[in-house]
Structure formats: C-alpha cells, structure tokens
C-alpha cells in the first residue's frame, strides 16, 4: 500500500515538473483553466472621477468645480452602480449644511437625478441616481458599456475661512467597482468679510410653538477690531408681514427679550469685533404675538441685514420660516 501511494505521488510530481519546465502545457491548453473562478476581489466595474482640466481654484460663492464621472462594465452581465461624490473640507468642519451646492447630469447615461446628503460634522455626499428615483436606487450598467456624467459643485461663504482645499472622492456602496483615488482641489482665500449661518434654517412658529436656532456671524475677511452691531429681520420680500414676532436671545442661561418693531431687531453688539476666521453666535428664539393675515399661514425669511457698521454681510444662507396664524385660544398665555 505504501509503495503504491509513493509511486502515484512520484508520477504527479513528474507531471507537475514537466509543466513548469517546458512551459508548453501552461500556455497551450487555455481552455483547461476556463472554469477556474476569478479572484474574489475582482470588480466587474471600473469607475473614475476626474476634474476637468484648466480650472481655476475654487472660491466661495464664485468659481466652482467641474468633474467627469465614468463607469465601465467589463463583464458579460448587467451590473448595478450606485455612486456618491464626497466633498470633505481640508480644515475646519462647517457648521450646518449650507456650505455647498451640488449637481450632476448625464453625458452618456440614462436620465439622471442628483441628491445631497449631510452626515455628522456636515460630511457631504452627492448621490447620483436614475431620474425620479430614491437615493438608494442604483443605475443598471449593461455588459461592456461605459456611462459618463458631468458632476459639478460650488462652495458657499459658509465654508470656514481656514479651509484651503477640499478632497473629492467617489464612493460606490455596492462595492462592485474599482474607484480612482480622491483628488484635492485648492480653495482660494476668502475675499468677503462677514457671513451668516444658521444651524437650523427651516421651521415654523405659532402662538404655541416658538422657533429656535443658532445664528452665527463669521468673519472670513481681515480682522475687525471695532464693535459690530448686526440687525436681524424677518421679511417676505418687499411686502409688509401681517404678523408680529417677539425675539429673545439667550444670555447667561436666560432668555432676554430684544426690543424691535416691524419684525426688525438690533441684536446685542459683538464687542471688540471679530478676528479673521472668528465667529460669534446668537441662540435666538422667535414667538408669535399677533397675526392679522388673510390666510392661515405665511412664509418668510429670517436673515441679518446685508450691512453693518463694520461692512457688508453675505446673507446668501437664510432661514425659511413659516408662521402659522391659528386663532389664539382664550386660555393662551404668551411665552415669557
């Protein structure tokens, strides 16, 4: 028994030695390896995201980024593709999510829809999906076909002043594609000065329900050494608002009412000004005290006035506020 086993091993070894030595057996019978499965890490799709050549540095509220996203299906079967473009500031994380605009359109692909998503620390992802689809719906790429899209985004003034670049990456959460490496795009130093931000930039206010948000005033320009006196207002274009709102500002853990008229209030001053990149924050609360509108509700914008005694304010990011004018109950007591 042992002799037979040893002889059989010797013959196998001789055959294996022949293949390696001659090289002919490894090259000629290619069909012998046709049924061997591909390695487990092989990807049927190849995806790339590349900036369009010759672009100027990004600017806040100005020059944006243009990129081309492609995916090629090298397999013999239709494959799903669910891409998202991530944009990550190199520097401080923005407060809130109003620091970027994103869009995508098909070049040689099915009709396309783009969706924006923000996670923790305002991490941004721009999903590229089939038109009229939810964010989780993938494209279906036919066998041996390439799809391409034009991807673009613009940065807003709410991007912190110390962010000198953004890193742009391509993510396919189906993990069935190879992806190009992330690219870093430079961001020019801000030329504007003051900019407003809101941590909550949409909501409602009624007799029973106030609206609260954090209003930030950030200096993205040269340092300001003098006191800044900002003005807050609630308006609906040029039309008078048939509602009266009361403004409270949180100071030393106490809500302090700020006097005003016609829904315009002088906020507490920013004593000593703001250095470059510094911010001052107001925790504000708006309550409805009177409503005389014809309809049961109205909509308007909450924003700083575009000018201060220390220069203009970029008010591109505003808070949208719906005032619900339900008649006040007889037992209602205004919030102090």
Protein backbone atom coordinates (compact mmCIF):
# COMPACT_ATOMS: atom_id res chain seq x y z
CA UNK A 1 0.00 0.00 0.00
CA UNK A 2 2.75 2.39 0.88
CA UNK A 3 4.65 1.58 -2.31
CA UNK A 4 1.59 2.25 -4.46
CA UNK A 5 0.95 5.62 -2.79
CA UNK A 6 4.59 6.66 -3.19
CA UNK A 7 4.59 5.71 -6.87
CA UNK A 8 1.43 7.72 -7.52
CA UNK A 9 2.94 10.83 -5.83
CA UNK A 10 6.09 10.44 -7.94
CA UNK A 11 4.07 10.41 -11.15
CA UNK A 12 2.15 13.53 -10.11
CA UNK A 13 5.37 15.31 -9.24
CA UNK A 14 6.88 14.37 -12.60
CA UNK A 15 3.85 15.73 -14.43
CA UNK A 16 3.97 18.97 -12.49
CA UNK A 17 7.71 19.27 -13.20
CA UNK A 18 7.05 18.85 -16.89
CA UNK A 19 4.53 21.72 -16.96
CA UNK A 20 6.91 24.13 -15.25
CA UNK A 21 9.97 23.03 -17.20
CA UNK A 22 8.57 23.08 -20.72
CA UNK A 23 6.13 25.93 -20.33
CA UNK A 24 4.03 24.46 -23.16
CA UNK A 25 1.34 22.90 -21.02
CA UNK A 26 0.71 26.20 -19.22
CA UNK A 27 0.34 28.12 -22.46
CA UNK A 28 -1.36 25.83 -24.93
CA UNK A 29 -4.44 24.36 -23.21
CA UNK A 30 -6.05 27.67 -22.16
CA UNK A 31 -9.46 26.00 -22.11
CA UNK A 32 -8.29 23.90 -19.22
CA UNK A 33 -8.44 26.96 -16.97
CA UNK A 34 -11.68 28.47 -18.31
CA UNK A 35 -13.77 27.15 -15.44
CA UNK A 36 -11.49 28.49 -12.73
CA UNK A 37 -13.41 31.34 -10.94
CA UNK A 38 -11.98 34.84 -10.89
CA UNK A 39 -10.31 36.04 -7.68
CA UNK A 40 -12.82 37.16 -5.05
CA UNK A 41 -11.57 40.76 -5.12
CA UNK A 42 -12.15 41.21 -8.87
CA UNK A 43 -14.54 44.08 -9.69
CA UNK A 44 -16.81 43.96 -12.73
CA UNK A 45 -16.96 47.77 -12.95
CA UNK A 46 -14.21 50.37 -13.32
CA UNK A 47 -15.26 53.84 -12.05
CA UNK A 48 -13.34 57.12 -12.29
CA UNK A 49 -13.87 60.71 -11.16
CA UNK A 50 -11.57 63.27 -12.76
CA UNK A 51 -11.52 67.10 -12.68
CA UNK A 52 -11.93 68.91 -15.98
CA UNK A 53 -8.53 70.33 -16.98
CA UNK A 54 -7.69 74.02 -16.72
CA UNK A 55 -9.92 75.02 -13.82
CA UNK A 56 -9.18 77.98 -11.56
CA UNK A 57 -9.05 77.48 -7.77
CA UNK A 58 -12.43 77.25 -6.10
CA UNK A 59 -13.84 80.37 -4.50
CA UNK A 60 -16.64 80.84 -2.01
CA UNK A 61 -19.68 81.96 -3.96
CA UNK A 62 -17.70 82.07 -7.22
CA UNK A 63 -15.70 79.55 -9.23
CA UNK A 64 -17.00 76.02 -8.83
CA UNK A 65 -15.60 72.59 -9.69
CA UNK A 66 -16.40 70.56 -12.81
CA UNK A 67 -15.61 66.84 -12.92
CA UNK A 68 -16.34 63.88 -15.16
CA UNK A 69 -17.51 60.61 -13.64
CA UNK A 70 -17.37 57.42 -15.71
CA UNK A 71 -18.09 53.76 -15.14
CA UNK A 72 -17.27 50.88 -17.47
CA UNK A 73 -18.81 47.43 -17.18
CA UNK A 74 -16.20 44.94 -18.36
CA UNK A 75 -18.28 41.89 -17.51
CA UNK A 76 -20.70 39.87 -19.63
CA UNK A 77 -23.64 40.70 -17.40
CA UNK A 78 -25.58 43.82 -16.42
CA UNK A 79 -24.21 45.35 -13.21
CA UNK A 80 -25.69 47.78 -10.64
CA UNK A 81 -23.83 51.02 -9.92
CA UNK A 82 -24.73 53.34 -7.03
CA UNK A 83 -22.26 56.26 -6.94
CA UNK A 84 -21.91 59.12 -4.48
CA UNK A 85 -19.43 62.00 -4.68
CA UNK A 86 -17.97 63.00 -1.31
CA UNK A 87 -16.59 66.50 -0.69
CA UNK A 88 -14.58 66.94 2.51
CA UNK A 89 -13.12 70.33 3.57
CA UNK A 90 -9.42 70.29 4.44
CA UNK A 91 -9.55 72.29 7.67
CA UNK A 92 -12.43 73.13 10.00
CA UNK A 93 -15.75 71.35 9.63
CA UNK A 94 -18.57 73.69 8.56
CA UNK A 95 -21.40 74.46 10.97
CA UNK A 96 -24.65 73.33 9.39
CA UNK A 97 -25.10 72.06 5.86
CA UNK A 98 -25.45 75.22 3.77
CA UNK A 99 -21.83 75.40 2.59
CA UNK A 100 -22.14 73.59 -0.75
CA UNK A 101 -24.32 73.21 -3.86
CA UNK A 102 -24.08 70.02 -5.94
CA UNK A 103 -25.46 68.82 -9.26
CA UNK A 104 -24.95 66.05 -11.81
CA UNK A 105 -26.24 65.44 -15.32
CA UNK A 106 -25.86 62.61 -17.79
CA UNK A 107 -23.39 62.83 -20.66
CA UNK A 108 -23.82 59.29 -21.99
CA UNK A 109 -26.05 57.69 -19.39
CA UNK A 110 -29.76 57.38 -18.55
CA UNK A 111 -31.58 60.50 -17.32
CA UNK A 112 -30.04 61.46 -14.01
CA UNK A 113 -31.08 63.00 -10.71
CA UNK A 114 -28.72 64.30 -8.01
CA UNK A 115 -29.44 64.28 -4.27
CA UNK A 116 -27.49 65.97 -1.49
CA UNK A 117 -26.89 64.39 1.91
CA UNK A 118 -25.10 65.55 5.05
CA UNK A 119 -23.88 63.42 7.94
CA UNK A 120 -22.02 64.05 11.16
CA UNK A 121 -19.76 67.13 11.13
CA UNK A 122 -21.55 68.26 7.95
CA UNK A 123 -19.87 65.46 5.94
CA UNK A 124 -21.25 65.79 2.42
CA UNK A 125 -22.25 63.18 -0.16
CA UNK A 126 -23.84 63.93 -3.51
CA UNK A 127 -25.77 60.89 -4.72
CA UNK A 128 -26.12 60.34 -8.48
CA UNK A 129 -29.19 58.20 -9.22
CA UNK A 130 -31.64 57.50 -12.05
CA UNK A 131 -34.15 60.28 -12.63
CA UNK A 132 -37.18 60.33 -10.28
CA UNK A 133 -35.59 57.70 -8.03
CA UNK A 134 -34.92 57.49 -4.32
CA UNK A 135 -31.33 57.91 -3.15
CA UNK A 136 -30.78 54.15 -2.73
CA UNK A 137 -31.72 53.18 -6.33
CA UNK A 138 -28.70 52.21 -8.49
CA UNK A 139 -28.08 52.53 -12.20
CA UNK A 140 -28.02 49.30 -14.21
CA UNK A 141 -24.99 49.29 -16.49
CA UNK A 142 -25.29 46.89 -19.47
CA UNK A 143 -22.47 44.48 -20.27
CA UNK A 144 -19.43 46.04 -21.98
CA UNK A 145 -20.87 49.56 -21.72
CA UNK A 146 -19.49 52.87 -20.43
CA UNK A 147 -21.66 55.54 -18.79
CA UNK A 148 -20.47 59.08 -18.05
CA UNK A 149 -21.77 62.09 -16.13
CA UNK A 150 -20.85 65.75 -15.66
CA UNK A 151 -20.56 66.50 -11.95
CA UNK A 152 -20.25 69.99 -10.50
CA UNK A 153 -20.36 71.73 -7.15
CA UNK A 154 -19.96 75.23 -5.76
CA UNK A 155 -18.81 76.33 -2.33
CA UNK A 156 -20.66 78.98 -0.34
CA UNK A 157 -19.45 81.67 2.02
CA UNK A 158 -20.39 79.46 4.98
CA UNK A 159 -17.26 77.35 4.36
CA UNK A 160 -14.84 78.24 7.21
CA UNK A 161 -12.02 80.61 6.34
CA UNK A 162 -9.25 78.14 7.21
CA UNK A 163 -10.43 75.56 4.66
CA UNK A 164 -7.80 75.95 1.93
CA UNK A 165 -8.85 72.88 -0.08
CA UNK A 166 -11.48 70.19 -0.42
CA UNK A 167 -10.93 66.48 -1.03
CA UNK A 168 -13.28 64.94 -3.58
CA UNK A 169 -13.86 61.19 -3.74
CA UNK A 170 -16.06 58.64 -5.48
CA UNK A 171 -17.88 56.04 -3.40
CA UNK A 172 -19.91 53.10 -4.71
CA UNK A 173 -21.57 51.46 -1.73
CA UNK A 174 -22.33 48.30 -3.72
CA UNK A 175 -18.57 47.66 -3.71
CA UNK A 176 -18.65 46.27 -7.26
CA UNK A 177 -16.30 48.80 -8.85
CA UNK A 178 -12.71 49.92 -8.67
CA UNK A 179 -12.57 53.65 -7.92
CA UNK A 180 -9.97 56.28 -8.77
CA UNK A 181 -8.08 57.89 -5.91
CA UNK A 182 -9.57 61.02 -4.27
CA UNK A 183 -8.48 64.36 -5.71
CA UNK A 184 -7.67 67.52 -3.77
CA UNK A 185 -8.87 70.84 -5.19
CA UNK A 186 -7.48 74.13 -3.85
CA UNK A 187 -9.83 76.78 -2.42
CA UNK A 188 -8.81 80.44 -2.70
CA UNK A 189 -8.66 82.54 0.44
CA UNK A 190 -11.98 84.30 1.10
CA UNK A 191 -12.22 87.87 -0.08
CA UNK A 192 -15.52 88.65 1.61
CA UNK A 193 -15.82 89.59 5.25
CA UNK A 194 -18.86 88.78 7.38
CA UNK A 195 -21.14 85.82 6.64
CA UNK A 196 -24.20 84.49 8.46
CA UNK A 197 -25.04 80.83 9.16
CA UNK A 198 -27.95 79.02 10.80
CA UNK A 199 -27.75 75.59 12.43
CA UNK A 200 -31.50 75.23 11.86
CA UNK A 201 -32.53 77.05 8.70
CA UNK A 202 -36.11 75.87 8.32
CA UNK A 203 -39.04 75.71 10.74
CA UNK A 204 -42.38 77.01 11.94
CA UNK A 205 -43.60 79.45 14.57
CA UNK A 206 -47.11 79.72 16.02
CA UNK A 207 -48.84 81.03 19.12
CA UNK A 208 -47.93 77.84 20.96
CA UNK A 209 -44.69 76.86 19.27
CA UNK A 210 -41.63 79.17 19.12
CA UNK A 211 -38.79 78.73 16.67
CA UNK A 212 -35.22 78.40 17.96
CA UNK A 213 -31.94 78.39 16.05
CA UNK A 214 -28.27 79.26 16.41
CA UNK A 215 -27.36 82.30 14.31
CA UNK A 216 -23.65 82.55 13.55
CA UNK A 217 -21.76 85.62 12.38
CA UNK A 218 -18.34 84.66 10.99
CA UNK A 219 -15.55 86.90 9.77
CA UNK A 220 -13.94 85.37 6.67
CA UNK A 221 -12.00 88.54 5.84
CA UNK A 222 -9.44 90.69 7.57
CA UNK A 223 -9.68 91.07 11.33
CA UNK A 224 -12.19 93.59 12.70
CA UNK A 225 -11.15 95.36 15.90
CA UNK A 226 -14.25 97.51 16.41
CA UNK A 227 -17.63 96.57 17.83
CA UNK A 228 -20.09 95.09 15.31
CA UNK A 229 -23.79 95.93 15.57
CA UNK A 230 -25.80 93.45 13.47
CA UNK A 231 -29.53 93.74 12.72
CA UNK A 232 -31.87 90.76 12.40
CA UNK A 233 -35.10 90.87 10.43
CA UNK A 234 -37.97 88.66 9.29
CA UNK A 235 -39.41 89.62 5.92
CA UNK A 236 -41.31 88.45 2.88
CA UNK A 237 -39.70 90.42 0.09
CA UNK A 238 -40.99 93.98 -0.07
CA UNK A 239 -44.45 93.22 1.31
CA UNK A 240 -45.44 94.04 4.90
CA UNK A 241 -45.76 90.99 7.13
CA UNK A 242 -49.23 90.66 8.73
CA UNK A 243 -47.69 89.14 11.86
CA UNK A 244 -45.72 90.37 14.85
CA UNK A 245 -42.91 88.24 16.21
CA UNK A 246 -41.07 88.58 19.50
CA UNK A 247 -37.31 87.94 19.61
CA UNK A 248 -35.48 86.51 22.62
CA UNK A 249 -31.72 85.94 22.81
CA UNK A 250 -30.14 83.52 25.28
CA UNK A 251 -27.63 85.31 27.51
CA UNK A 252 -26.12 83.81 30.66
CA UNK A 253 -28.69 80.98 30.50
CA UNK A 254 -31.56 83.50 30.49
CA UNK A 255 -33.86 84.42 27.61
CA UNK A 256 -33.64 88.19 27.16
CA UNK A 257 -36.24 89.95 25.00
CA UNK A 258 -34.74 92.17 22.31
CA UNK A 259 -36.85 95.25 21.51
CA UNK A 260 -37.82 95.83 17.90
CA UNK A 261 -40.53 96.96 15.52
CA UNK A 262 -41.91 95.67 12.21
CA UNK A 263 -40.02 92.39 12.81
CA UNK A 264 -36.64 94.14 12.82
CA UNK A 265 -34.34 93.89 15.85
CA UNK A 266 -30.94 95.29 16.80
CA UNK A 267 -29.01 92.32 18.16
CA UNK A 268 -26.66 92.65 21.14
CA UNK A 269 -23.35 94.05 19.85
CA UNK A 270 -20.27 91.94 19.18
CA UNK A 271 -17.92 93.83 21.49
CA UNK A 272 -14.33 94.07 20.32
CA UNK A 273 -15.09 92.85 16.80
CA UNK A 274 -14.04 89.54 15.25
CA UNK A 275 -10.63 88.31 14.20
CA UNK A 276 -10.08 86.59 10.87
CA UNK A 277 -11.95 83.27 10.90
CA UNK A 278 -13.62 84.01 14.27
CA UNK A 279 -17.35 83.59 14.89
CA UNK A 280 -19.95 84.97 17.25
CA UNK A 281 -23.12 83.00 17.93
CA UNK A 282 -26.60 84.06 18.99
CA UNK A 283 -29.07 81.49 20.32
CA UNK A 284 -32.33 83.10 19.21
CA UNK A 285 -35.99 82.30 19.83
CA UNK A 286 -38.92 83.75 17.88
CA UNK A 287 -42.50 83.70 19.21
CA UNK A 288 -45.74 84.78 17.55
CA UNK A 289 -47.61 87.52 19.42
CA UNK A 290 -50.07 88.77 16.78
CA UNK A 291 -51.38 87.54 13.42
CA UNK A 292 -53.67 89.51 11.09
CA UNK A 293 -53.11 87.67 7.82
CA UNK A 294 -55.92 86.71 5.46
CA UNK A 295 -54.71 83.13 5.20
CA UNK A 296 -53.96 80.65 7.96
CA UNK A 297 -50.20 80.82 7.41
CA UNK A 298 -47.45 82.76 5.64
CA UNK A 299 -43.81 82.18 4.79
CA UNK A 300 -40.80 84.47 5.01
CA UNK A 301 -37.05 84.59 5.56
CA UNK A 302 -35.05 85.23 8.71
CA UNK A 303 -31.77 86.98 7.97
CA UNK A 304 -29.34 89.60 9.10
CA UNK A 305 -29.48 92.93 7.32
CA UNK A 306 -26.93 92.97 4.47
CA UNK A 307 -24.91 95.81 6.02
CA UNK A 308 -23.36 96.54 9.40
CA UNK A 309 -21.32 99.44 10.71
CA UNK A 310 -18.24 97.27 10.02
CA UNK A 311 -19.02 96.24 6.45
CA UNK A 312 -21.42 94.06 4.45
CA UNK A 313 -22.76 90.64 5.43
CA UNK A 314 -23.08 87.74 3.00
CA UNK A 315 -26.72 86.71 3.52
CA UNK A 316 -26.91 84.05 0.82
CA UNK A 317 -27.81 81.50 3.53
CA UNK A 318 -31.12 82.39 5.17
CA UNK A 319 -33.60 80.62 7.45
CA UNK A 320 -37.02 79.87 5.93
CA UNK A 321 -39.78 80.37 8.48
CA UNK A 322 -43.49 79.53 8.22
CA UNK A 323 -45.81 81.49 10.52
CA UNK A 324 -48.96 79.57 11.41
CA UNK A 325 -51.68 82.05 12.36
CA UNK A 326 -54.14 79.74 14.06
CA UNK A 327 -56.50 81.94 16.18
CA UNK A 328 -55.19 82.30 19.70
CA UNK A 329 -57.24 80.37 22.27
CA UNK A 330 -58.82 82.34 25.10
CA UNK A 331 -56.76 80.35 27.61
CA UNK A 332 -53.49 81.01 25.79
CA UNK A 333 -50.72 82.69 27.77
CA UNK A 334 -47.87 84.23 25.79
CA UNK A 335 -44.44 82.71 26.44
CA UNK A 336 -42.21 84.87 28.61
